[in-house]
Amino acid sequence: MTRRSAIAVLGLLVTVVGCGFKDSIAGAGKSEERIRREIGVDARVTFRTVNGVTSVLVTLHALPALPPPIARTRVEAIVRAEMRGVSTIEVVAKL
């Protein structure tokens, strides 16, 4: 690895860590735990950040006992509480 490429890699790491990537990973894990505990279904929370805009996809592994609009509102509230700067949240159920 040349010195120039090593500096580029270091710069990339500082940018990724500096923009809250680590916080987003932790927030996704906490969101999954809270959804399991509060909504009663397993979920997978994935996120993507492009140009400072973070989109979150929440995949519920079963239909919750709650009516869909209420479940979606609660899931969105959980994700917004655990992850900073989320622009869009999409909630889907895997049947």
PDB file of N, CA and C in Angstrom:
ATOM      1  N   MET A   1       0.849  -1.166   0.000  1.00  0.00           N
ATOM      2  CA  MET A   1       0.000   0.000   0.000  1.00  0.00           C
ATOM      3  C   MET A   1       0.901   1.238   0.000  1.00  0.00           C
ATOM      4  N   THR A   2       0.657   2.113  -0.934  1.00  0.00           N
ATOM      5  CA  THR A   2       1.464   3.327  -0.995  1.00  0.00           C
ATOM      6  C   THR A   2       1.011   4.322   0.058  1.00  0.00           C
ATOM      7  N   ARG A   3       1.843   5.288   0.297  1.00  0.00           N
ATOM      8  CA  ARG A   3       1.513   6.311   1.298  1.00  0.00           C
ATOM      9  C   ARG A   3       0.255   7.083   0.902  1.00  0.00           C
ATOM     10  N   ARG A   4       0.114   7.372  -0.372  1.00  0.00           N
ATOM     11  CA  ARG A   4      -1.048   8.134  -0.847  1.00  0.00           C
ATOM     12  C   ARG A   4      -2.335   7.348  -0.617  1.00  0.00           C
ATOM     13  N   SER A   5      -2.336   6.041  -0.922  1.00  0.00           N
ATOM     14  CA  SER A   5      -3.547   5.236  -0.719  1.00  0.00           C
ATOM     15  C   SER A   5      -3.831   5.042   0.767  1.00  0.00           C
ATOM     16  N   ALA A   6      -2.795   4.955   1.585  1.00  0.00           N
ATOM     17  CA  ALA A   6      -2.996   4.842   3.030  1.00  0.00           C
ATOM     18  C   ALA A   6      -3.656   6.095   3.584  1.00  0.00           C
ATOM     19  N   ILE A   7      -3.246   7.259   3.101  1.00  0.00           N
ATOM     20  CA  ILE A   7      -3.860   8.519   3.533  1.00  0.00           C
ATOM     21  C   ILE A   7      -5.313   8.580   3.069  1.00  0.00           C
ATOM     22  N   ALA A   8      -5.591   8.102   1.865  1.00  0.00           N
ATOM     23  CA  ALA A   8      -6.964   8.096   1.350  1.00  0.00           C
ATOM     24  C   ALA A   8      -7.853   7.194   2.194  1.00  0.00           C
ATOM     25  N   VAL A   9      -7.360   6.023   2.565  1.00  0.00           N
ATOM     26  CA  VAL A   9      -8.121   5.093   3.399  1.00  0.00           C
ATOM     27  C   VAL A   9      -8.373   5.702   4.770  1.00  0.00           C
ATOM     28  N   LEU A  10      -7.366   6.325   5.336  1.00  0.00           N
ATOM     29  CA  LEU A  10      -7.514   6.982   6.632  1.00  0.00           C
ATOM     30  C   LEU A  10      -8.547   8.101   6.559  1.00  0.00           C
ATOM     31  N   GLY A  11      -8.503   8.873   5.501  1.00  0.00           N
ATOM     32  CA  GLY A  11      -9.486   9.941   5.314  1.00  0.00           C
ATOM     33  C   GLY A  11     -10.893   9.396   5.197  1.00  0.00           C
ATOM     34  N   LEU A  12     -11.052   8.289   4.503  1.00  0.00           N
ATOM     35  CA  LEU A  12     -12.361   7.656   4.369  1.00  0.00           C
ATOM     36  C   LEU A  12     -12.867   7.161   5.711  1.00  0.00           C
ATOM     37  N   LEU A  13     -11.998   6.535   6.498  1.00  0.00           N
ATOM     38  CA  LEU A  13     -12.396   6.053   7.822  1.00  0.00           C
ATOM     39  C   LEU A  13     -12.818   7.193   8.732  1.00  0.00           C
ATOM     40  N   VAL A  14     -12.095   8.283   8.709  1.00  0.00           N
ATOM     41  CA  VAL A  14     -12.454   9.442   9.531  1.00  0.00           C
ATOM     42  C   VAL A  14     -13.805   9.988   9.096  1.00  0.00           C
ATOM     43  N   THR A  15     -14.054  10.036   7.807  1.00  0.00           N
ATOM     44  CA  THR A  15     -15.340  10.519   7.301  1.00  0.00           C
ATOM     45  C   THR A  15     -16.480   9.612   7.732  1.00  0.00           C
ATOM     46  N   VAL A  16     -16.307   8.305   7.595  1.00  0.00           N
ATOM     47  CA  VAL A  16     -17.363   7.357   7.966  1.00  0.00           C
ATOM     48  C   VAL A  16     -17.655   7.422   9.455  1.00  0.00           C
ATOM     49  N   VAL A  17     -16.620   7.394  10.283  1.00  0.00           N
ATOM     50  CA  VAL A  17     -16.820   7.442  11.724  1.00  0.00           C
ATOM     51  C   VAL A  17     -17.349   8.806  12.133  1.00  0.00           C
ATOM     52  N   GLY A  18     -16.869   9.852  11.489  1.00  0.00           N
ATOM     53  CA  GLY A  18     -17.291  11.200  11.832  1.00  0.00           C
ATOM     54  C   GLY A  18     -18.737  11.491  11.496  1.00  0.00           C
ATOM     55  N   CYS A  19     -19.332  10.798  10.545  1.00  0.00           N
ATOM     56  CA  CYS A  19     -20.705  11.101  10.150  1.00  0.00           C
ATOM     57  C   CYS A  19     -21.718  10.253  10.920  1.00  0.00           C
ATOM     58  N   GLY A  20     -21.282   9.583  11.959  1.00  0.00           N
ATOM     59  CA  GLY A  20     -22.226   8.867  12.806  1.00  0.00           C
ATOM     60  C   GLY A  20     -22.535   7.454  12.379  1.00  0.00           C
ATOM     61  N   PHE A  21     -21.707   6.860  11.547  1.00  0.00           N
ATOM     62  CA  PHE A  21     -21.952   5.490  11.088  1.00  0.00           C
ATOM     63  C   PHE A  21     -22.064   4.531  12.262  1.00  0.00           C
ATOM     64  N   LYS A  22     -21.160   4.686  13.219  1.00  0.00           N
ATOM     65  CA  LYS A  22     -21.153   3.827  14.397  1.00  0.00           C
ATOM     66  C   LYS A  22     -22.445   4.001  15.200  1.00  0.00           C
ATOM     67  N   ASP A  23     -22.893   5.255  15.327  1.00  0.00           N
ATOM     68  CA  ASP A  23     -24.145   5.532  16.041  1.00  0.00           C
ATOM     69  C   ASP A  23     -25.340   4.912  15.321  1.00  0.00           C
ATOM     70  N   SER A  24     -25.318   4.936  14.001  1.00  0.00           N
ATOM     71  CA  SER A  24     -26.421   4.363  13.234  1.00  0.00           C
ATOM     72  C   SER A  24     -26.498   2.853  13.411  1.00  0.00           C
ATOM     73  N   ILE A  25     -25.350   2.201  13.473  1.00  0.00           N
ATOM     74  CA  ILE A  25     -25.334   0.750  13.684  1.00  0.00           C
ATOM     75  C   ILE A  25     -25.911   0.426  15.055  1.00  0.00           C
ATOM     76  N   ALA A  26     -25.480   1.157  16.065  1.00  0.00           N
ATOM     77  CA  ALA A  26     -25.995   0.934  17.417  1.00  0.00           C
ATOM     78  C   ALA A  26     -27.489   1.248  17.483  1.00  0.00           C
ATOM     79  N   GLY A  27     -27.907   2.324  16.828  1.00  0.00           N
ATOM     80  CA  GLY A  27     -29.321   2.700  16.813  1.00  0.00           C
ATOM     81  C   GLY A  27     -30.192   1.665  16.130  1.00  0.00           C
ATOM     82  N   ALA A  28     -29.665   1.040  15.064  1.00  0.00           N
ATOM     83  CA  ALA A  28     -30.426  -0.010  14.378  1.00  0.00           C
ATOM     84  C   ALA A  28     -30.622  -1.208  15.305  1.00  0.00           C
ATOM     85  N   GLY A  29     -29.584  -1.588  16.024  1.00  0.00           N
ATOM     86  CA  GLY A  29     -29.687  -2.709  16.966  1.00  0.00           C
ATOM     87  C   GLY A  29     -30.662  -2.417  18.094  1.00  0.00           C
ATOM     88  N   LYS A  30     -30.589  -1.206  18.640  1.00  0.00           N
ATOM     89  CA  LYS A  30     -31.522  -0.823  19.706  1.00  0.00           C
ATOM     90  C   LYS A  30     -32.960  -0.774  19.190  1.00  0.00           C
ATOM     91  N   SER A  31     -33.133  -0.305  17.965  1.00  0.00           N
ATOM     92  CA  SER A  31     -34.473  -0.257  17.369  1.00  0.00           C
ATOM     93  C   SER A  31     -35.056  -1.660  17.240  1.00  0.00           C
ATOM     94  N   GLU A  32     -34.237  -2.615  16.783  1.00  0.00           N
ATOM     95  CA  GLU A  32     -34.706  -3.993  16.656  1.00  0.00           C
ATOM     96  C   GLU A  32     -35.146  -4.548  18.006  1.00  0.00           C
ATOM     97  N   GLU A  33     -34.362  -4.286  19.043  1.00  0.00           N
ATOM     98  CA  GLU A  33     -34.712  -4.763  20.383  1.00  0.00           C
ATOM     99  C   GLU A  33     -36.017  -4.144  20.882  1.00  0.00           C
ATOM    100  N   ARG A  34     -36.158  -2.824  20.700  1.00  0.00           N
ATOM    101  CA  ARG A  34     -37.376  -2.151  21.174  1.00  0.00           C
ATOM    102  C   ARG A  34     -38.614  -2.595  20.395  1.00  0.00           C
ATOM    103  N   ILE A  35     -38.473  -2.805  19.093  1.00  0.00           N
ATOM    104  CA  ILE A  35     -39.613  -3.269  18.292  1.00  0.00           C
ATOM    105  C   ILE A  35     -40.044  -4.643  18.775  1.00  0.00           C
ATOM    106  N   ARG A  36     -39.079  -5.509  19.039  1.00  0.00           N
ATOM    107  CA  ARG A  36     -39.382  -6.853  19.536  1.00  0.00           C
ATOM    108  C   ARG A  36     -40.117  -6.766  20.879  1.00  0.00           C
ATOM    109  N   ARG A  37     -39.633  -5.896  21.753  1.00  0.00           N
ATOM    110  CA  ARG A  37     -40.200  -5.773  23.091  1.00  0.00           C
ATOM    111  C   ARG A  37     -41.556  -5.044  23.090  1.00  0.00           C
ATOM    112  N   GLU A  38     -41.676  -3.969  22.332  1.00  0.00           N
ATOM    113  CA  GLU A  38     -42.871  -3.123  22.387  1.00  0.00           C
ATOM    114  C   GLU A  38     -43.962  -3.508  21.388  1.00  0.00           C
ATOM    115  N   ILE A  39     -43.579  -4.003  20.223  1.00  0.00           N
ATOM    116  CA  ILE A  39     -44.557  -4.370  19.192  1.00  0.00           C
ATOM    117  C   ILE A  39     -44.839  -5.865  19.217  1.00  0.00           C
ATOM    118  N   GLY A  40     -43.872  -6.655  19.656  1.00  0.00           N
ATOM    119  CA  GLY A  40     -44.082  -8.085  19.787  1.00  0.00           C
ATOM    120  C   GLY A  40     -43.722  -8.916  18.573  1.00  0.00           C
ATOM    121  N   VAL A  41     -42.953  -8.346  17.640  1.00  0.00           N
ATOM    122  CA  VAL A  41     -42.513  -9.109  16.469  1.00  0.00           C
ATOM    123  C   VAL A  41     -41.018  -8.873  16.248  1.00  0.00           C
ATOM    124  N   ASP A  42     -40.355  -9.866  15.669  1.00  0.00           N
ATOM    125  CA  ASP A  42     -38.951  -9.689  15.297  1.00  0.00           C
ATOM    126  C   ASP A  42     -38.887  -8.758  14.096  1.00  0.00           C
ATOM    127  N   ALA A  43     -37.824  -7.983  14.026  1.00  0.00           N
ATOM    128  CA  ALA A  43     -37.667  -7.037  12.925  1.00  0.00           C
ATOM    129  C   ALA A  43     -36.203  -6.933  12.543  1.00  0.00           C
ATOM    130  N   ARG A  44     -35.988  -6.534  11.323  1.00  0.00           N
ATOM    131  CA  ARG A  44     -34.637  -6.234  10.845  1.00  0.00           C
ATOM    132  C   ARG A  44     -34.639  -4.770  10.420  1.00  0.00           C
ATOM    133  N   VAL A  45     -33.700  -4.007  10.951  1.00  0.00           N
ATOM    134  CA  VAL A  45     -33.600  -2.584  10.641  1.00  0.00           C
ATOM    135  C   VAL A  45     -32.318  -2.374   9.849  1.00  0.00           C
ATOM    136  N   THR A  46     -32.461  -1.903   8.628  1.00  0.00           N
ATOM    137  CA  THR A  46     -31.307  -1.594   7.795  1.00  0.00           C
ATOM    138  C   THR A  46     -31.365  -0.122   7.431  1.00  0.00           C
ATOM    139  N   PHE A  47     -30.209   0.456   7.167  1.00  0.00           N
ATOM    140  CA  PHE A  47     -30.176   1.873   6.828  1.00  0.00           C
ATOM    141  C   PHE A  47     -29.166   2.124   5.724  1.00  0.00           C
ATOM    142  N   ARG A  48     -29.363   3.258   5.072  1.00  0.00           N
ATOM    143  CA  ARG A  48     -28.456   3.671   4.005  1.00  0.00           C
ATOM    144  C   ARG A  48     -28.325   5.184   4.086  1.00  0.00           C
ATOM    145  N   THR A  49     -27.100   5.671   4.099  1.00  0.00           N
ATOM    146  CA  THR A  49     -26.857   7.107   4.129  1.00  0.00           C
ATOM    147  C   THR A  49     -26.116   7.499   2.863  1.00  0.00           C
ATOM    148  N   VAL A  50     -26.707   8.408   2.099  1.00  0.00           N
ATOM    149  CA  VAL A  50     -26.096   8.913   0.877  1.00  0.00           C
ATOM    150  C   VAL A  50     -26.180  10.437   0.923  1.00  0.00           C
ATOM    151  N   ASN A  51     -25.042  11.082   0.795  1.00  0.00           N
ATOM    152  CA  ASN A  51     -24.976  12.547   0.816  1.00  0.00           C
ATOM    153  C   ASN A  51     -25.662  13.135   2.046  1.00  0.00           C
ATOM    154  N   GLY A  52     -25.508  12.488   3.187  1.00  0.00           N
ATOM    155  CA  GLY A  52     -26.068  12.995   4.429  1.00  0.00           C
ATOM    156  C   GLY A  52     -27.540  12.695   4.649  1.00  0.00           C
ATOM    157  N   VAL A  53     -28.176  11.995   3.722  1.00  0.00           N
ATOM    158  CA  VAL A  53     -29.592  11.648   3.839  1.00  0.00           C
ATOM    159  C   VAL A  53     -29.688  10.168   4.215  1.00  0.00           C
ATOM    160  N   THR A  54     -30.301   9.888   5.370  1.00  0.00           N
ATOM    161  CA  THR A  54     -30.398   8.512   5.857  1.00  0.00           C
ATOM    162  C   THR A  54     -31.805   7.970   5.644  1.00  0.00           C
ATOM    163  N   SER A  55     -31.883   6.846   4.974  1.00  0.00           N
ATOM    164  CA  SER A  55     -33.149   6.133   4.767  1.00  0.00           C
ATOM    165  C   SER A  55     -33.089   4.834   5.549  1.00  0.00           C
ATOM    166  N   VAL A  56     -34.197   4.480   6.189  1.00  0.00           N
ATOM    167  CA  VAL A  56     -34.252   3.277   7.014  1.00  0.00           C
ATOM    168  C   VAL A  56     -35.349   2.364   6.472  1.00  0.00           C
ATOM    169  N   LEU A  57     -35.049   1.072   6.388  1.00  0.00           N
ATOM    170  CA  LEU A  57     -36.033   0.060   6.021  1.00  0.00           C
ATOM    171  C   LEU A  57     -36.206  -0.863   7.215  1.00  0.00           C
ATOM    172  N   VAL A  58     -37.440  -0.970   7.695  1.00  0.00           N
ATOM    173  CA  VAL A  58     -37.760  -1.865   8.806  1.00  0.00           C
ATOM    174  C   VAL A  58     -38.582  -3.009   8.231  1.00  0.00           C
ATOM    175  N   THR A  59     -38.072  -4.228   8.335  1.00  0.00           N
ATOM    176  CA  THR A  59     -38.781  -5.406   7.856  1.00  0.00           C
ATOM    177  C   THR A  59     -39.276  -6.183   9.066  1.00  0.00           C
ATOM    178  N   LEU A  60     -40.591  -6.229   9.233  1.00  0.00           N
ATOM    179  CA  LEU A  60     -41.194  -7.001  10.314  1.00  0.00           C
ATOM    180  C   LEU A  60     -41.328  -8.441   9.837  1.00  0.00           C
ATOM    181  N   HIS A  61     -40.939  -9.405  10.670  1.00  0.00           N
ATOM    182  CA  HIS A  61     -40.940 -10.805  10.256  1.00  0.00           C
ATOM    183  C   HIS A  61     -42.289 -11.487  10.426  1.00  0.00           C
ATOM    184  N   ALA A  62     -43.271 -10.751  10.938  1.00  0.00           N
ATOM    185  CA  ALA A  62     -44.641 -11.249  11.065  1.00  0.00           C
ATOM    186  C   ALA A  62     -45.553 -10.026  11.184  1.00  0.00           C
ATOM    187  N   LEU A  63     -46.820 -10.239  10.960  1.00  0.00           N
ATOM    188  CA  LEU A  63     -47.768  -9.145  11.141  1.00  0.00           C
ATOM    189  C   LEU A  63     -47.998  -8.919  12.633  1.00  0.00           C
ATOM    190  N   PRO A  64     -47.930  -7.681  13.095  1.00  0.00           N
ATOM    191  CA  PRO A  64     -48.175  -7.419  14.518  1.00  0.00           C
ATOM    192  C   PRO A  64     -49.653  -7.544  14.847  1.00  0.00           C
ATOM    193  N   ALA A  65     -49.947  -7.705  16.133  1.00  0.00           N
ATOM    194  CA  ALA A  65     -51.338  -7.809  16.579  1.00  0.00           C
ATOM    195  C   ALA A  65     -52.052  -6.461  16.489  1.00  0.00           C
ATOM    196  N   LEU A  66     -51.297  -5.390  16.448  1.00  0.00           N
ATOM    197  CA  LEU A  66     -51.872  -4.047  16.361  1.00  0.00           C
ATOM    198  C   LEU A  66     -52.415  -3.779  14.960  1.00  0.00           C
ATOM    199  N   PRO A  67     -53.366  -2.847  14.843  1.00  0.00           N
ATOM    200  CA  PRO A  67     -53.800  -2.429  13.498  1.00  0.00           C
ATOM    201  C   PRO A  67     -52.595  -1.832  12.747  1.00  0.00           C
ATOM    202  N   PRO A  68     -52.488  -2.072  11.453  1.00  0.00           N
ATOM    203  CA  PRO A  68     -51.308  -1.636  10.682  1.00  0.00           C
ATOM    204  C   PRO A  68     -50.936  -0.153  10.826  1.00  0.00           C
ATOM    205  N   PRO A  69     -51.899   0.792  10.778  1.00  0.00           N
ATOM    206  CA  PRO A  69     -51.478   2.197  10.906  1.00  0.00           C
ATOM    207  C   PRO A  69     -50.858   2.513  12.268  1.00  0.00           C
ATOM    208  N   ILE A  70     -51.379   1.903  13.318  1.00  0.00           N
ATOM    209  CA  ILE A  70     -50.841   2.135  14.659  1.00  0.00           C
ATOM    210  C   ILE A  70     -49.462   1.485  14.788  1.00  0.00           C
ATOM    211  N   ALA A  71     -49.319   0.271  14.273  1.00  0.00           N
ATOM    212  CA  ALA A  71     -48.026  -0.416  14.322  1.00  0.00           C
ATOM    213  C   ALA A  71     -46.969   0.385  13.569  1.00  0.00           C
ATOM    214  N   ARG A  72     -47.317   0.880  12.375  1.00  0.00           N
ATOM    215  CA  ARG A  72     -46.364   1.657  11.580  1.00  0.00           C
ATOM    216  C   ARG A  72     -45.942   2.930  12.323  1.00  0.00           C
ATOM    217  N   THR A  73     -46.899   3.619  12.927  1.00  0.00           N
ATOM    218  CA  THR A  73     -46.597   4.843  13.667  1.00  0.00           C
ATOM    219  C   THR A  73     -45.668   4.558  14.839  1.00  0.00           C
ATOM    220  N   ARG A  74     -45.919   3.480  15.562  1.00  0.00           N
ATOM    221  CA  ARG A  74     -45.067   3.135  16.705  1.00  0.00           C
ATOM    222  C   ARG A  74     -43.669   2.729  16.266  1.00  0.00           C
ATOM    223  N   VAL A  75     -43.578   1.958  15.189  1.00  0.00           N
ATOM    224  CA  VAL A  75     -42.258   1.548  14.676  1.00  0.00           C
ATOM    225  C   VAL A  75     -41.471   2.787  14.241  1.00  0.00           C
ATOM    226  N   GLU A  76     -42.117   3.701  13.529  1.00  0.00           N
ATOM    227  CA  GLU A  76     -41.443   4.923  13.100  1.00  0.00           C
ATOM    228  C   GLU A  76     -40.966   5.738  14.301  1.00  0.00           C
ATOM    229  N   ALA A  77     -41.787   5.824  15.342  1.00  0.00           N
ATOM    230  CA  ALA A  77     -41.403   6.566  16.548  1.00  0.00           C
ATOM    231  C   ALA A  77     -40.188   5.928  17.223  1.00  0.00           C
ATOM    232  N   ILE A  78     -40.164   4.608  17.276  1.00  0.00           N
ATOM    233  CA  ILE A  78     -39.025   3.900  17.877  1.00  0.00           C
ATOM    234  C   ILE A  78     -37.747   4.185  17.091  1.00  0.00           C
ATOM    235  N   VAL A  79     -37.826   4.086  15.773  1.00  0.00           N
ATOM    236  CA  VAL A  79     -36.637   4.303  14.939  1.00  0.00           C
ATOM    237  C   VAL A  79     -36.149   5.745  15.076  1.00  0.00           C
ATOM    238  N   ARG A  80     -37.058   6.707  15.062  1.00  0.00           N
ATOM    239  CA  ARG A  80     -36.655   8.116  15.192  1.00  0.00           C
ATOM    240  C   ARG A  80     -36.029   8.389  16.557  1.00  0.00           C
ATOM    241  N   ALA A  81     -36.504   7.685  17.590  1.00  0.00           N
ATOM    242  CA  ALA A  81     -35.939   7.876  18.930  1.00  0.00           C
ATOM    243  C   ALA A  81     -34.536   7.287  19.045  1.00  0.00           C
ATOM    244  N   GLU A  82     -34.271   6.206  18.339  1.00  0.00           N
ATOM    245  CA  GLU A  82     -32.982   5.511  18.462  1.00  0.00           C
ATOM    246  C   GLU A  82     -31.936   5.949  17.446  1.00  0.00           C
ATOM    247  N   MET A  83     -32.363   6.506  16.319  1.00  0.00           N
ATOM    248  CA  MET A  83     -31.418   6.877  15.259  1.00  0.00           C
ATOM    249  C   MET A  83     -31.573   8.362  14.930  1.00  0.00           C
ATOM    250  N   ARG A  84     -30.467   9.077  14.974  1.00  0.00           N
ATOM    251  CA  ARG A  84     -30.486  10.511  14.687  1.00  0.00           C
ATOM    252  C   ARG A  84     -30.499  10.783  13.183  1.00  0.00           C
ATOM    253  N   GLY A  85     -31.189  11.842  12.796  1.00  0.00           N
ATOM    254  CA  GLY A  85     -31.112  12.332  11.429  1.00  0.00           C
ATOM    255  C   GLY A  85     -31.723  11.458  10.361  1.00  0.00           C
ATOM    256  N   VAL A  86     -32.715  10.673  10.713  1.00  0.00           N
ATOM    257  CA  VAL A  86     -33.359   9.801   9.724  1.00  0.00           C
ATOM    258  C   VAL A  86     -34.307  10.640   8.867  1.00  0.00           C
ATOM    259  N   SER A  87     -34.175  10.523   7.545  1.00  0.00           N
ATOM    260  CA  SER A  87     -35.023  11.271   6.633  1.00  0.00           C
ATOM    261  C   SER A  87     -36.295  10.525   6.271  1.00  0.00           C
ATOM    262  N   THR A  88     -36.149   9.244   5.913  1.00  0.00           N
ATOM    263  CA  THR A  88     -37.315   8.462   5.536  1.00  0.00           C
ATOM    264  C   THR A  88     -37.261   7.101   6.227  1.00  0.00           C
ATOM    265  N   ILE A  89     -38.459   6.605   6.570  1.00  0.00           N
ATOM    266  CA  ILE A  89     -38.583   5.285   7.182  1.00  0.00           C
ATOM    267  C   ILE A  89     -39.642   4.522   6.412  1.00  0.00           C
ATOM    268  N   GLU A  90     -39.295   3.339   5.959  1.00  0.00           N
ATOM    269  CA  GLU A  90     -40.251   2.467   5.277  1.00  0.00           C
ATOM    270  C   GLU A  90     -40.423   1.221   6.138  1.00  0.00           C
ATOM    271  N   VAL A  91     -41.692   0.881   6.413  1.00  0.00           N
ATOM    272  CA  VAL A  91     -41.998  -0.289   7.223  1.00  0.00           C
ATOM    273  C   VAL A  91     -42.733  -1.295   6.356  1.00  0.00           C
ATOM    274  N   VAL A  92     -42.184  -2.515   6.282  1.00  0.00           N
ATOM    275  CA  VAL A  92     -42.811  -3.580   5.506  1.00  0.00           C
ATOM    276  C   VAL A  92     -42.897  -4.839   6.370  1.00  0.00           C
ATOM    277  N   ALA A  93     -43.872  -5.686   6.042  1.00  0.00           N
ATOM    278  CA  ALA A  93     -44.012  -6.968   6.753  1.00  0.00           C
ATOM    279  C   ALA A  93     -43.657  -8.080   5.795  1.00  0.00           C
ATOM    280  N   LYS A  94     -42.833  -8.993   6.269  1.00  0.00           N
ATOM    281  CA  LYS A  94     -42.418 -10.160   5.483  1.00  0.00           C
ATOM    282  C   LYS A  94     -43.383 -11.291   5.824  1.00  0.00           C
ATOM    283  N   LEU A  95     -44.119 -11.729   4.855  1.00  0.00           N
ATOM    284  CA  LEU A  95     -45.119 -12.768   5.113  1.00  0.00           C
ATOM    285  C   LEU A  95     -44.594 -14.145   4.791  1.00  0.00           C
TER     286      LEU A  95
END
